[in-house]
PDB file of N, CA and C in Angstrom:
ATOM      1  N   MET A   1      30.191 144.847  97.262  1.00  0.00           N
ATOM      2  CA  MET A   1      31.445 144.748  97.685  1.00  0.00           C
ATOM      3  C   MET A   1      32.229 145.970  97.125  1.00  0.00           C
ATOM      4  N   HIS A   2      32.147 147.131  97.699  1.00  0.00           N
ATOM      5  CA  HIS A   2      32.792 148.201  97.210  1.00  0.00           C
ATOM      6  C   HIS A   2      34.354 148.205  97.395  1.00  0.00           C
ATOM      7  N   GLU A   3      34.840 147.312  98.102  1.00  0.00           N
ATOM      8  CA  GLU A   3      36.369 147.038  98.239  1.00  0.00           C
ATOM      9  C   GLU A   3      36.864 146.700  96.812  1.00  0.00           C
ATOM     10  N   LEU A   4      36.286 145.950  96.013  1.00  0.00           N
ATOM     11  CA  LEU A   4      36.736 145.617  94.708  1.00  0.00           C
ATOM     12  C   LEU A   4      36.974 146.876  93.897  1.00  0.00           C
ATOM     13  N   SER A   5      36.097 147.757  93.835  1.00  0.00           N
ATOM     14  CA  SER A   5      36.278 149.056  93.032  1.00  0.00           C
ATOM     15  C   SER A   5      37.359 149.904  93.628  1.00  0.00           C
ATOM     16  N   ILE A   6      37.430 149.851  95.028  1.00  0.00           N
ATOM     17  CA  ILE A   6      38.446 150.777  95.695  1.00  0.00           C
ATOM     18  C   ILE A   6      39.836 150.058  95.272  1.00  0.00           C
ATOM     19  N   LEU A   7      40.066 148.748  95.313  1.00  0.00           N
ATOM     20  CA  LEU A   7      41.291 148.267  95.098  1.00  0.00           C
ATOM     21  C   LEU A   7      41.573 148.393  93.540  1.00  0.00           C
ATOM     22  N   GLU A   8      40.555 148.349  92.801  1.00  0.00           N
ATOM     23  CA  GLU A   8      40.860 148.595  91.316  1.00  0.00           C
ATOM     24  C   GLU A   8      41.457 149.935  91.075  1.00  0.00           C
ATOM     25  N   GLY A   9      40.989 151.011  91.710  1.00  0.00           N
ATOM     26  CA  GLY A   9      41.435 152.247  91.558  1.00  0.00           C
ATOM     27  C   GLY A   9      42.959 152.424  92.264  1.00  0.00           C
ATOM     28  N   MET A  10      42.990 151.779  93.238  1.00  0.00           N
ATOM     29  CA  MET A  10      44.404 151.808  93.919  1.00  0.00           C
ATOM     30  C   MET A  10      45.449 150.992  93.066  1.00  0.00           C
ATOM     31  N   ILE A  11      45.171 149.939  92.562  1.00  0.00           N
ATOM     32  CA  ILE A  11      46.045 149.183  91.745  1.00  0.00           C
ATOM     33  C   ILE A  11      46.340 149.760  90.470  1.00  0.00           C
ATOM     34  N   GLN A  12      45.373 150.429  89.896  1.00  0.00           N
ATOM     35  CA  GLN A  12      45.469 151.215  88.670  1.00  0.00           C
ATOM     36  C   GLN A  12      46.597 152.482  88.933  1.00  0.00           C
ATOM     37  N   GLY A  13      46.319 153.090  90.054  1.00  0.00           N
ATOM     38  CA  GLY A  13      47.343 154.192  90.402  1.00  0.00           C
ATOM     39  C   GLY A  13      48.832 153.656  90.658  1.00  0.00           C
ATOM     40  N   ILE A  14      48.870 152.515  91.406  1.00  0.00           N
ATOM     41  CA  ILE A  14      50.209 151.979  91.663  1.00  0.00           C
ATOM     42  C   ILE A  14      50.837 151.567  90.273  1.00  0.00           C
ATOM     43  N   GLN A  15      50.026 150.895  89.575  1.00  0.00           N
ATOM     44  CA  GLN A  15      50.565 150.442  88.064  1.00  0.00           C
ATOM     45  C   GLN A  15      51.217 151.662  87.394  1.00  0.00           C
ATOM     46  N   GLU A  16      50.411 152.733  87.397  1.00  0.00           N
ATOM     47  CA  GLU A  16      50.852 153.852  86.560  1.00  0.00           C
ATOM     48  C   GLU A  16      52.075 154.461  87.135  1.00  0.00           C
ATOM     49  N   GLU A  17      52.226 154.600  88.500  1.00  0.00           N
ATOM     50  CA  GLU A  17      53.444 155.125  89.106  1.00  0.00           C
ATOM     51  C   GLU A  17      54.604 154.130  88.820  1.00  0.00           C
ATOM     52  N   ALA A  18      54.436 152.791  88.982  1.00  0.00           N
ATOM     53  CA  ALA A  18      55.397 151.990  88.700  1.00  0.00           C
ATOM     54  C   ALA A  18      56.060 151.918  87.328  1.00  0.00           C
ATOM     55  N   LEU A  19      55.081 152.122  86.334  1.00  0.00           N
ATOM     56  CA  LEU A  19      55.467 152.221  84.920  1.00  0.00           C
ATOM     57  C   LEU A  19      56.195 153.485  84.729  1.00  0.00           C
ATOM     58  N   ALA A  20      55.790 154.615  85.378  1.00  0.00           N
ATOM     59  CA  ALA A  20      56.246 155.959  85.065  1.00  0.00           C
ATOM     60  C   ALA A  20      57.788 155.915  85.745  1.00  0.00           C
ATOM     61  N   GLY A  21      57.943 155.193  86.767  1.00  0.00           N
ATOM     62  CA  GLY A  21      59.223 155.030  87.482  1.00  0.00           C
ATOM     63  C   GLY A  21      60.185 154.043  86.862  1.00  0.00           C
ATOM     64  N   GLY A  22      59.643 153.338  85.854  1.00  0.00           N
ATOM     65  CA  GLY A  22      60.564 152.269  85.295  1.00  0.00           C
ATOM     66  C   GLY A  22      60.830 151.096  86.085  1.00  0.00           C
ATOM     67  N   PHE A  23      59.893 150.738  87.077  1.00  0.00           N
ATOM     68  CA  PHE A  23      60.085 149.528  87.943  1.00  0.00           C
ATOM     69  C   PHE A  23      59.688 148.389  87.195  1.00  0.00           C
ATOM     70  N   ALA A  24      60.244 147.142  87.533  1.00  0.00           N
ATOM     71  CA  ALA A  24      59.951 145.830  86.975  1.00  0.00           C
ATOM     72  C   ALA A  24      58.577 145.397  87.479  1.00  0.00           C
ATOM     73  N   ARG A  25      58.503 145.448  88.875  1.00  0.00           N
ATOM     74  CA  ARG A  25      57.234 144.976  89.456  1.00  0.00           C
ATOM     75  C   ARG A  25      57.148 145.535  90.899  1.00  0.00           C
ATOM     76  N   VAL A  26      55.999 145.452  91.399  1.00  0.00           N
ATOM     77  CA  VAL A  26      55.745 145.865  92.834  1.00  0.00           C
ATOM     78  C   VAL A  26      55.845 144.577  93.643  1.00  0.00           C
ATOM     79  N   VAL A  27      56.527 144.632  94.703  1.00  0.00           N
ATOM     80  CA  VAL A  27      56.777 143.582  95.569  1.00  0.00           C
ATOM     81  C   VAL A  27      55.846 143.480  96.770  1.00  0.00           C
ATOM     82  N   GLN A  28      55.474 144.687  97.323  1.00  0.00           N
ATOM     83  CA  GLN A  28      54.678 144.766  98.505  1.00  0.00           C
ATOM     84  C   GLN A  28      53.957 146.051  98.513  1.00  0.00           C
ATOM     85  N   VAL A  29      52.647 145.919  98.869  1.00  0.00           N
ATOM     86  CA  VAL A  29      51.687 147.062  99.002  1.00  0.00           C
ATOM     87  C   VAL A  29      51.347 147.076 100.453  1.00  0.00           C
ATOM     88  N   ARG A  30      51.532 148.268 101.106  1.00  0.00           N
ATOM     89  CA  ARG A  30      50.942 148.523 102.443  1.00  0.00           C
ATOM     90  C   ARG A  30      49.839 149.578 102.414  1.00  0.00           C
ATOM     91  N   LEU A  31      48.740 149.076 103.125  1.00  0.00           N
ATOM     92  CA  LEU A  31      47.608 150.019 103.156  1.00  0.00           C
ATOM     93  C   LEU A  31      47.387 150.352 104.554  1.00  0.00           C
ATOM     94  N   GLU A  32      46.798 151.570 104.685  1.00  0.00           N
ATOM     95  CA  GLU A  32      46.298 152.033 106.086  1.00  0.00           C
ATOM     96  C   GLU A  32      44.796 151.861 105.898  1.00  0.00           C
ATOM     97  N   VAL A  33      44.146 151.135 106.753  1.00  0.00           N
ATOM     98  CA  VAL A  33      42.664 150.937 106.825  1.00  0.00           C
ATOM     99  C   VAL A  33      42.193 151.327 108.243  1.00  0.00           C
ATOM    100  N   GLY A  34      41.342 152.350 108.316  1.00  0.00           N
ATOM    101  CA  GLY A  34      40.916 152.809 109.614  1.00  0.00           C
ATOM    102  C   GLY A  34      39.688 152.024 109.995  1.00  0.00           C
ATOM    103  N   LYS A  35      39.433 151.800 111.233  1.00  0.00           N
ATOM    104  CA  LYS A  35      38.390 151.046 111.753  1.00  0.00           C
ATOM    105  C   LYS A  35      36.948 151.815 111.270  1.00  0.00           C
ATOM    106  N   LEU A  36      36.937 153.018 111.079  1.00  0.00           N
ATOM    107  CA  LEU A  36      35.692 153.735 110.644  1.00  0.00           C
ATOM    108  C   LEU A  36      35.715 154.064 109.178  1.00  0.00           C
ATOM    109  N   SER A  37      36.425 153.462 108.411  1.00  0.00           N
ATOM    110  CA  SER A  37      36.650 153.765 106.983  1.00  0.00           C
ATOM    111  C   SER A  37      35.444 153.189 106.222  1.00  0.00           C
ATOM    112  N   GLY A  38      34.767 152.228 106.669  1.00  0.00           N
ATOM    113  CA  GLY A  38      33.785 151.530 105.970  1.00  0.00           C
ATOM    114  C   GLY A  38      34.245 150.392 105.049  1.00  0.00           C
ATOM    115  N   ALA A  39      35.563 150.198 105.098  1.00  0.00           N
ATOM    116  CA  ALA A  39      36.111 149.100 104.271  1.00  0.00           C
ATOM    117  C   ALA A  39      36.245 147.905 105.106  1.00  0.00           C
ATOM    118  N   GLU A  40      35.935 146.735 104.619  1.00  0.00           N
ATOM    119  CA  GLU A  40      36.173 145.435 105.366  1.00  0.00           C
ATOM    120  C   GLU A  40      37.602 144.897 104.951  1.00  0.00           C
ATOM    121  N   VAL A  41      38.414 144.746 105.978  1.00  0.00           N
ATOM    122  CA  VAL A  41      39.801 144.337 105.738  1.00  0.00           C
ATOM    123  C   VAL A  41      39.869 142.921 104.993  1.00  0.00           C
ATOM    124  N   GLU A  42      39.051 142.070 105.505  1.00  0.00           N
ATOM    125  CA  GLU A  42      39.022 140.719 104.920  1.00  0.00           C
ATOM    126  C   GLU A  42      38.616 140.723 103.388  1.00  0.00           C
ATOM    127  N   ALA A  43      37.732 141.622 102.954  1.00  0.00           N
ATOM    128  CA  ALA A  43      37.296 141.746 101.658  1.00  0.00           C
ATOM    129  C   ALA A  43      38.374 142.386 100.875  1.00  0.00           C
ATOM    130  N   LEU A  44      39.126 143.306 101.339  1.00  0.00           N
ATOM    131  CA  LEU A  44      40.313 143.874 100.703  1.00  0.00           C
ATOM    132  C   LEU A  44      41.292 142.750 100.453  1.00  0.00           C
ATOM    133  N   ARG A  45      41.520 142.021 101.432  1.00  0.00           N
ATOM    134  CA  ARG A  45      42.587 140.899 101.293  1.00  0.00           C
ATOM    135  C   ARG A  45      42.132 139.865 100.202  1.00  0.00           C
ATOM    136  N   PHE A  46      40.808 139.577 100.177  1.00  0.00           N
ATOM    137  CA  PHE A  46      40.269 138.628  99.263  1.00  0.00           C
ATOM    138  C   PHE A  46      40.430 139.056  97.774  1.00  0.00           C
ATOM    139  N   ALA A  47      40.134 140.468  97.660  1.00  0.00           N
ATOM    140  CA  ALA A  47      40.067 140.987  96.190  1.00  0.00           C
ATOM    141  C   ALA A  47      41.370 141.354  95.715  1.00  0.00           C
ATOM    142  N   PHE A  48      42.392 141.535  96.617  1.00  0.00           N
ATOM    143  CA  PHE A  48      43.813 141.869  96.066  1.00  0.00           C
ATOM    144  C   PHE A  48      44.275 141.181  95.035  1.00  0.00           C
ATOM    145  N   ASP A  49      44.394 139.846  95.119  1.00  0.00           N
ATOM    146  CA  ASP A  49      44.943 138.943  94.147  1.00  0.00           C
ATOM    147  C   ASP A  49      44.181 139.053  92.801  1.00  0.00           C
ATOM    148  N   ALA A  50      42.845 139.042  92.952  1.00  0.00           N
ATOM    149  CA  ALA A  50      42.130 139.066  91.628  1.00  0.00           C
ATOM    150  C   ALA A  50      42.316 140.374  90.914  1.00  0.00           C
ATOM    151  N   VAL A  51      42.250 141.437  91.614  1.00  0.00           N
ATOM    152  CA  VAL A  51      42.498 142.828  91.030  1.00  0.00           C
ATOM    153  C   VAL A  51      43.906 143.067  90.494  1.00  0.00           C
ATOM    154  N   SER A  52      44.825 142.453  91.153  1.00  0.00           N
ATOM    155  CA  SER A  52      46.206 142.763  90.634  1.00  0.00           C
ATOM    156  C   SER A  52      46.633 141.828  89.498  1.00  0.00           C
ATOM    157  N   GLN A  53      45.796 140.820  89.079  1.00  0.00           N
ATOM    158  CA  GLN A  53      46.255 140.029  87.976  1.00  0.00           C
ATOM    159  C   GLN A  53      46.628 140.868  86.780  1.00  0.00           C
ATOM    160  N   ASP A  54      47.693 140.384  86.066  1.00  0.00           N
ATOM    161  CA  ASP A  54      47.998 140.944  84.794  1.00  0.00           C
ATOM    162  C   ASP A  54      48.494 142.481  84.960  1.00  0.00           C
ATOM    163  N   THR A  55      48.992 142.858  86.150  1.00  0.00           N
ATOM    164  CA  THR A  55      49.673 144.154  86.415  1.00  0.00           C
ATOM    165  C   THR A  55      50.984 143.859  86.981  1.00  0.00           C
ATOM    166  N   LEU A  56      51.580 145.014  87.144  1.00  0.00           N
ATOM    167  CA  LEU A  56      52.998 144.985  87.808  1.00  0.00           C
ATOM    168  C   LEU A  56      52.795 144.624  89.280  1.00  0.00           C
ATOM    169  N   VAL A  57      51.718 144.602  89.774  1.00  0.00           N
ATOM    170  CA  VAL A  57      51.351 144.392  91.200  1.00  0.00           C
ATOM    171  C   VAL A  57      51.069 142.779  91.335  1.00  0.00           C
ATOM    172  N   GLU A  58      50.898 141.953  90.433  1.00  0.00           N
ATOM    173  CA  GLU A  58      50.587 140.703  90.518  1.00  0.00           C
ATOM    174  C   GLU A  58      51.795 140.058  91.203  1.00  0.00           C
ATOM    175  N   GLY A  59      51.263 139.203  92.227  1.00  0.00           N
ATOM    176  CA  GLY A  59      52.223 138.500  93.054  1.00  0.00           C
ATOM    177  C   GLY A  59      52.764 139.220  94.182  1.00  0.00           C
ATOM    178  N   ALA A  60      52.384 140.535  94.430  1.00  0.00           N
ATOM    179  CA  ALA A  60      52.908 141.248  95.493  1.00  0.00           C
ATOM    180  C   ALA A  60      52.172 140.952  96.895  1.00  0.00           C
ATOM    181  N   THR A  61      52.860 140.984  97.920  1.00  0.00           N
ATOM    182  CA  THR A  61      52.069 140.748  99.157  1.00  0.00           C
ATOM    183  C   THR A  61      51.424 142.065  99.554  1.00  0.00           C
ATOM    184  N   LEU A  62      50.375 141.826 100.196  1.00  0.00           N
ATOM    185  CA  LEU A  62      49.593 142.902 100.747  1.00  0.00           C
ATOM    186  C   LEU A  62      49.671 142.975 102.356  1.00  0.00           C
ATOM    187  N   GLU A  63      50.160 144.051 102.845  1.00  0.00           N
ATOM    188  CA  GLU A  63      50.062 144.326 104.313  1.00  0.00           C
ATOM    189  C   GLU A  63      49.142 145.368 104.588  1.00  0.00           C
ATOM    190  N   ILE A  64      48.191 145.002 105.522  1.00  0.00           N
ATOM    191  CA  ILE A  64      47.202 146.054 105.862  1.00  0.00           C
ATOM    192  C   ILE A  64      47.424 146.415 107.342  1.00  0.00           C
ATOM    193  N   LEU A  65      47.613 147.701 107.456  1.00  0.00           N
ATOM    194  CA  LEU A  65      47.829 148.249 108.876  1.00  0.00           C
ATOM    195  C   LEU A  65      46.475 148.755 109.304  1.00  0.00           C
ATOM    196  N   GLU A  66      45.871 148.123 110.288  1.00  0.00           N
ATOM    197  CA  GLU A  66      44.509 148.578 110.802  1.00  0.00           C
ATOM    198  C   GLU A  66      44.715 149.625 111.859  1.00  0.00           C
ATOM    199  N   LEU A  67      43.984 150.690 111.604  1.00  0.00           N
ATOM    200  CA  LEU A  67      44.058 151.845 112.574  1.00  0.00           C
ATOM    201  C   LEU A  67      42.733 151.942 113.270  1.00  0.00           C
ATOM    202  N   PRO A  68      42.854 152.250 114.618  1.00  0.00           N
ATOM    203  CA  PRO A  68      41.710 152.218 115.520  1.00  0.00           C
ATOM    204  C   PRO A  68      40.825 153.515 115.225  1.00  0.00           C
ATOM    205  N   GLY A  69      39.630 153.374 115.517  1.00  0.00           N
ATOM    206  CA  GLY A  69      38.739 154.612 115.447  1.00  0.00           C
ATOM    207  C   GLY A  69      39.084 155.515 116.766  1.00  0.00           C
ATOM    208  N   THR A  70      39.214 156.828 116.603  1.00  0.00           N
ATOM    209  CA  THR A  70      39.501 157.571 117.707  1.00  0.00           C
ATOM    210  C   THR A  70      38.538 158.764 117.678  1.00  0.00           C
ATOM    211  N   GLY A  71      38.338 159.433 118.856  1.00  0.00           N
ATOM    212  CA  GLY A  71      37.442 160.650 118.925  1.00  0.00           C
ATOM    213  C   GLY A  71      37.750 161.417 120.121  1.00  0.00           C
ATOM    214  N   GLN A  72      37.087 162.639 120.152  1.00  0.00           N
ATOM    215  CA  GLN A  72      37.173 163.499 121.398  1.00  0.00           C
ATOM    216  C   GLN A  72      35.773 163.693 121.849  1.00  0.00           C
ATOM    217  N   CYS A  73      35.510 163.354 123.185  1.00  0.00           N
ATOM    218  CA  CYS A  73      34.212 163.622 123.770  1.00  0.00           C
ATOM    219  C   CYS A  73      33.927 165.155 123.824  1.00  0.00           C
ATOM    220  N   GLN A  74      32.770 165.503 123.273  1.00  0.00           N
ATOM    221  CA  GLN A  74      32.416 166.891 123.388  1.00  0.00           C
ATOM    222  C   GLN A  74      31.870 167.371 124.794  1.00  0.00           C
ATOM    223  N   ASP A  75      31.726 166.344 125.691  1.00  0.00           N
ATOM    224  CA  ASP A  75      31.106 166.716 127.015  1.00  0.00           C
ATOM    225  C   ASP A  75      32.468 166.764 128.045  1.00  0.00           C
ATOM    226  N   CYS A  76      33.081 165.630 128.127  1.00  0.00           N
ATOM    227  CA  CYS A  76      34.231 165.502 129.062  1.00  0.00           C
ATOM    228  C   CYS A  76      35.637 165.882 128.553  1.00  0.00           C
ATOM    229  N   GLY A  77      35.689 165.925 127.107  1.00  0.00           N
ATOM    230  CA  GLY A  77      37.056 166.317 126.484  1.00  0.00           C
ATOM    231  C   GLY A  77      37.994 165.221 126.367  1.00  0.00           C
ATOM    232  N   ALA A  78      37.689 164.004 126.826  1.00  0.00           N
ATOM    233  CA  ALA A  78      38.496 162.886 126.693  1.00  0.00           C
ATOM    234  C   ALA A  78      38.834 162.459 125.273  1.00  0.00           C
ATOM    235  N   GLU A  79      40.129 162.022 125.021  1.00  0.00           N
ATOM    236  CA  GLU A  79      40.438 161.525 123.613  1.00  0.00           C
ATOM    237  C   GLU A  79      40.198 159.982 123.877  1.00  0.00           C
ATOM    238  N   VAL A  80      39.471 159.399 123.137  1.00  0.00           N
ATOM    239  CA  VAL A  80      39.102 158.006 123.393  1.00  0.00           C
ATOM    240  C   VAL A  80      39.136 157.235 122.040  1.00  0.00           C
ATOM    241  N   GLU A  81      39.152 155.827 122.223  1.00  0.00           N
ATOM    242  CA  GLU A  81      39.021 154.903 121.030  1.00  0.00           C
ATOM    243  C   GLU A  81      37.593 154.527 121.005  1.00  0.00           C
ATOM    244  N   ILE A  82      37.111 154.505 119.732  1.00  0.00           N
ATOM    245  CA  ILE A  82      35.677 154.043 119.432  1.00  0.00           C
ATOM    246  C   ILE A  82      35.692 152.998 118.432  1.00  0.00           C
ATOM    247  N   GLU A  83      34.524 152.169 118.534  1.00  0.00           N
ATOM    248  CA  GLU A  83      34.374 151.012 117.622  1.00  0.00           C
ATOM    249  C   GLU A  83      33.467 151.524 116.393  1.00  0.00           C
ATOM    250  N   ALA A  84      32.673 152.397 116.565  1.00  0.00           N
ATOM    251  CA  ALA A  84      31.862 152.934 115.440  1.00  0.00           C
ATOM    252  C   ALA A  84      31.456 154.261 115.710  1.00  0.00           C
ATOM    253  N   ARG A  85      31.111 154.875 114.563  1.00  0.00           N
ATOM    254  CA  ARG A  85      30.724 156.370 114.598  1.00  0.00           C
ATOM    255  C   ARG A  85      29.494 156.451 115.402  1.00  0.00           C
ATOM    256  N   PHE A  86      29.268 157.444 116.155  1.00  0.00           N
ATOM    257  CA  PHE A  86      28.082 157.810 117.013  1.00  0.00           C
ATOM    258  C   PHE A  86      28.194 157.011 118.228  1.00  0.00           C
ATOM    259  N   ASP A  87      29.270 156.286 118.599  1.00  0.00           N
ATOM    260  CA  ASP A  87      29.450 155.778 119.927  1.00  0.00           C
ATOM    261  C   ASP A  87      29.422 156.817 121.014  1.00  0.00           C
ATOM    262  N   LEU A  88      28.803 156.386 122.143  1.00  0.00           N
ATOM    263  CA  LEU A  88      28.935 157.286 123.263  1.00  0.00           C
ATOM    264  C   LEU A  88      30.389 157.187 123.894  1.00  0.00           C
ATOM    265  N   CYS A  89      30.668 158.239 124.548  1.00  0.00           N
ATOM    266  CA  CYS A  89      32.016 158.380 125.154  1.00  0.00           C
ATOM    267  C   CYS A  89      32.333 157.196 126.127  1.00  0.00           C
ATOM    268  N   PRO A  90      33.291 156.366 125.856  1.00  0.00           N
ATOM    269  CA  PRO A  90      33.636 155.362 126.918  1.00  0.00           C
ATOM    270  C   PRO A  90      34.199 155.872 128.166  1.00  0.00           C
ATOM    271  N   ALA A  91      34.663 157.055 128.219  1.00  0.00           N
ATOM    272  CA  ALA A  91      35.175 157.726 129.638  1.00  0.00           C
ATOM    273  C   ALA A  91      34.098 158.069 130.473  1.00  0.00           C
ATOM    274  N   CYS A  92      33.140 158.832 129.876  1.00  0.00           N
ATOM    275  CA  CYS A  92      32.078 159.478 130.700  1.00  0.00           C
ATOM    276  C   CYS A  92      30.679 158.689 130.444  1.00  0.00           C
ATOM    277  N   GLY A  93      30.513 157.898 129.368  1.00  0.00           N
ATOM    278  CA  GLY A  93      29.449 157.135 129.042  1.00  0.00           C
ATOM    279  C   GLY A  93      28.172 157.893 128.591  1.00  0.00           C
ATOM    280  N   ASP A  94      28.514 159.291 128.296  1.00  0.00           N
ATOM    281  CA  ASP A  94      27.338 160.036 128.001  1.00  0.00           C
ATOM    282  C   ASP A  94      27.517 160.841 126.777  1.00  0.00           C
ATOM    283  N   GLY A  95      28.749 161.479 126.513  1.00  0.00           N
ATOM    284  CA  GLY A  95      28.921 162.550 125.668  1.00  0.00           C
ATOM    285  C   GLY A  95      29.125 162.047 124.136  1.00  0.00           C
ATOM    286  N   PHE A  96      28.706 162.961 123.257  1.00  0.00           N
ATOM    287  CA  PHE A  96      28.864 162.876 122.011  1.00  0.00           C
ATOM    288  C   PHE A  96      30.246 162.907 121.582  1.00  0.00           C
ATOM    289  N   VAL A  97      30.748 162.001 120.826  1.00  0.00           N
ATOM    290  CA  VAL A  97      32.189 161.806 120.318  1.00  0.00           C
ATOM    291  C   VAL A  97      32.428 162.291 118.940  1.00  0.00           C
ATOM    292  N   THR A  98      33.270 163.307 118.777  1.00  0.00           N
ATOM    293  CA  THR A  98      33.627 163.736 117.415  1.00  0.00           C
ATOM    294  C   THR A  98      34.770 162.879 116.877  1.00  0.00           C
ATOM    295  N   VAL A  99      34.565 162.239 115.776  1.00  0.00           N
ATOM    296  CA  VAL A  99      35.649 161.487 115.044  1.00  0.00           C
ATOM    297  C   VAL A  99      36.803 162.286 114.831  1.00  0.00           C
ATOM    298  N   THR A 100      38.046 161.668 115.372  1.00  0.00           N
ATOM    299  CA  THR A 100      39.341 162.415 114.996  1.00  0.00           C
ATOM    300  C   THR A 100      40.310 161.360 114.284  1.00  0.00           C
ATOM    301  N   GLY A 101      39.978 160.183 114.185  1.00  0.00           N
ATOM    302  CA  GLY A 101      40.823 159.198 113.395  1.00  0.00           C
ATOM    303  C   GLY A 101      40.159 157.993 113.152  1.00  0.00           C
ATOM    304  N   GLY A 102      40.689 157.206 112.297  1.00  0.00           N
ATOM    305  CA  GLY A 102      40.278 155.825 111.956  1.00  0.00           C
ATOM    306  C   GLY A 102      39.343 155.810 110.671  1.00  0.00           C
ATOM    307  N   THR A 103      39.388 156.904 109.858  1.00  0.00           N
ATOM    308  CA  THR A 103      38.633 156.922 108.691  1.00  0.00           C
ATOM    309  C   THR A 103      39.520 156.861 107.424  1.00  0.00           C
ATOM    310  N   GLU A 104      40.883 156.527 107.643  1.00  0.00           N
ATOM    311  CA  GLU A 104      41.802 156.427 106.642  1.00  0.00           C
ATOM    312  C   GLU A 104      41.501 155.146 105.773  1.00  0.00           C
ATOM    313  N   LEU A 105      41.725 155.341 104.531  1.00  0.00           N
ATOM    314  CA  LEU A 105      41.836 154.119 103.520  1.00  0.00           C
ATOM    315  C   LEU A 105      42.742 154.609 102.447  1.00  0.00           C
ATOM    316  N   ARG A 106      44.043 154.299 102.674  1.00  0.00           N
ATOM    317  CA  ARG A 106      45.161 154.874 101.723  1.00  0.00           C
ATOM    318  C   ARG A 106      46.314 153.976 101.632  1.00  0.00           C
ATOM    319  N   ILE A 107      47.026 154.197 100.572  1.00  0.00           N
ATOM    320  CA  ILE A 107      48.303 153.421 100.302  1.00  0.00           C
ATOM    321  C   ILE A 107      49.287 154.235 101.236  1.00  0.00           C
ATOM    322  N   LYS A 108      49.962 153.333 102.066  1.00  0.00           N
ATOM    323  CA  LYS A 108      50.977 153.901 102.987  1.00  0.00           C
ATOM    324  C   LYS A 108      52.175 153.992 102.111  1.00  0.00           C
ATOM    325  N   ASP A 109      52.583 152.906 101.538  1.00  0.00           N
ATOM    326  CA  ASP A 109      53.796 152.736 100.670  1.00  0.00           C
ATOM    327  C   ASP A 109      53.881 151.452 100.010  1.00  0.00           C
ATOM    328  N   ILE A 110      54.685 151.474  98.982  1.00  0.00           N
ATOM    329  CA  ILE A 110      55.035 150.305  98.138  1.00  0.00           C
ATOM    330  C   ILE A 110      56.454 149.970  98.068  1.00  0.00           C
ATOM    331  N   ASP A 111      56.785 148.682  98.013  1.00  0.00           N
ATOM    332  CA  ASP A 111      58.151 148.383  97.770  1.00  0.00           C
ATOM    333  C   ASP A 111      58.145 147.660  96.241  1.00  0.00           C
ATOM    334  N   VAL A 112      59.169 148.127  95.504  1.00  0.00           N
ATOM    335  CA  VAL A 112      59.260 147.863  94.062  1.00  0.00           C
ATOM    336  C   VAL A 112      60.610 147.158  93.824  1.00  0.00           C
ATOM    337  N   GLU A 113      60.655 146.511  92.679  1.00  0.00           N
ATOM    338  CA  GLU A 113      61.809 145.739  92.123  1.00  0.00           C
ATOM    339  C   GLU A 113      62.246 146.628  90.958  1.00  0.00           C
ATOM    340  N   GLU A 114      63.529 147.093  90.940  1.00  0.00           N
ATOM    341  CA  GLU A 114      63.993 147.903  89.722  1.00  0.00           C
ATOM    342  C   GLU A 114      64.095 147.012  88.501  1.00  0.00           C
ATOM    343  N   ALA A 115      63.871 147.715  87.468  1.00  0.00           N
ATOM    344  CA  ALA A 115      64.025 147.037  86.061  1.00  0.00           C
ATOM    345  C   ALA A 115      65.441 146.583  85.715  1.00  0.00           C
TER     346      ALA A 115
END
């Protein structure tokens, strides 16, 4: 479950920023997770509470914004939504699709409580 180590790094970064900003605690964390990022949304949700214990993030709510996988067909030029890398173009059924979105795995923003 690489989601655990991903969240550990994110929580550590959030903790450092919150401490540097003099905030009392983090109230909410919003993550953007792309369909093609390789991260399992449910695993992120499951690990969040455990990883945030004993930090300024403990007790914060986690909102995950799921982003679709998108690409452009190299044959017909269509901008399409895809479920997985190397999917054939759903528009023409044939072409190779170059991924253009859905690989994101990042902190969108956080809400904090002032000290």
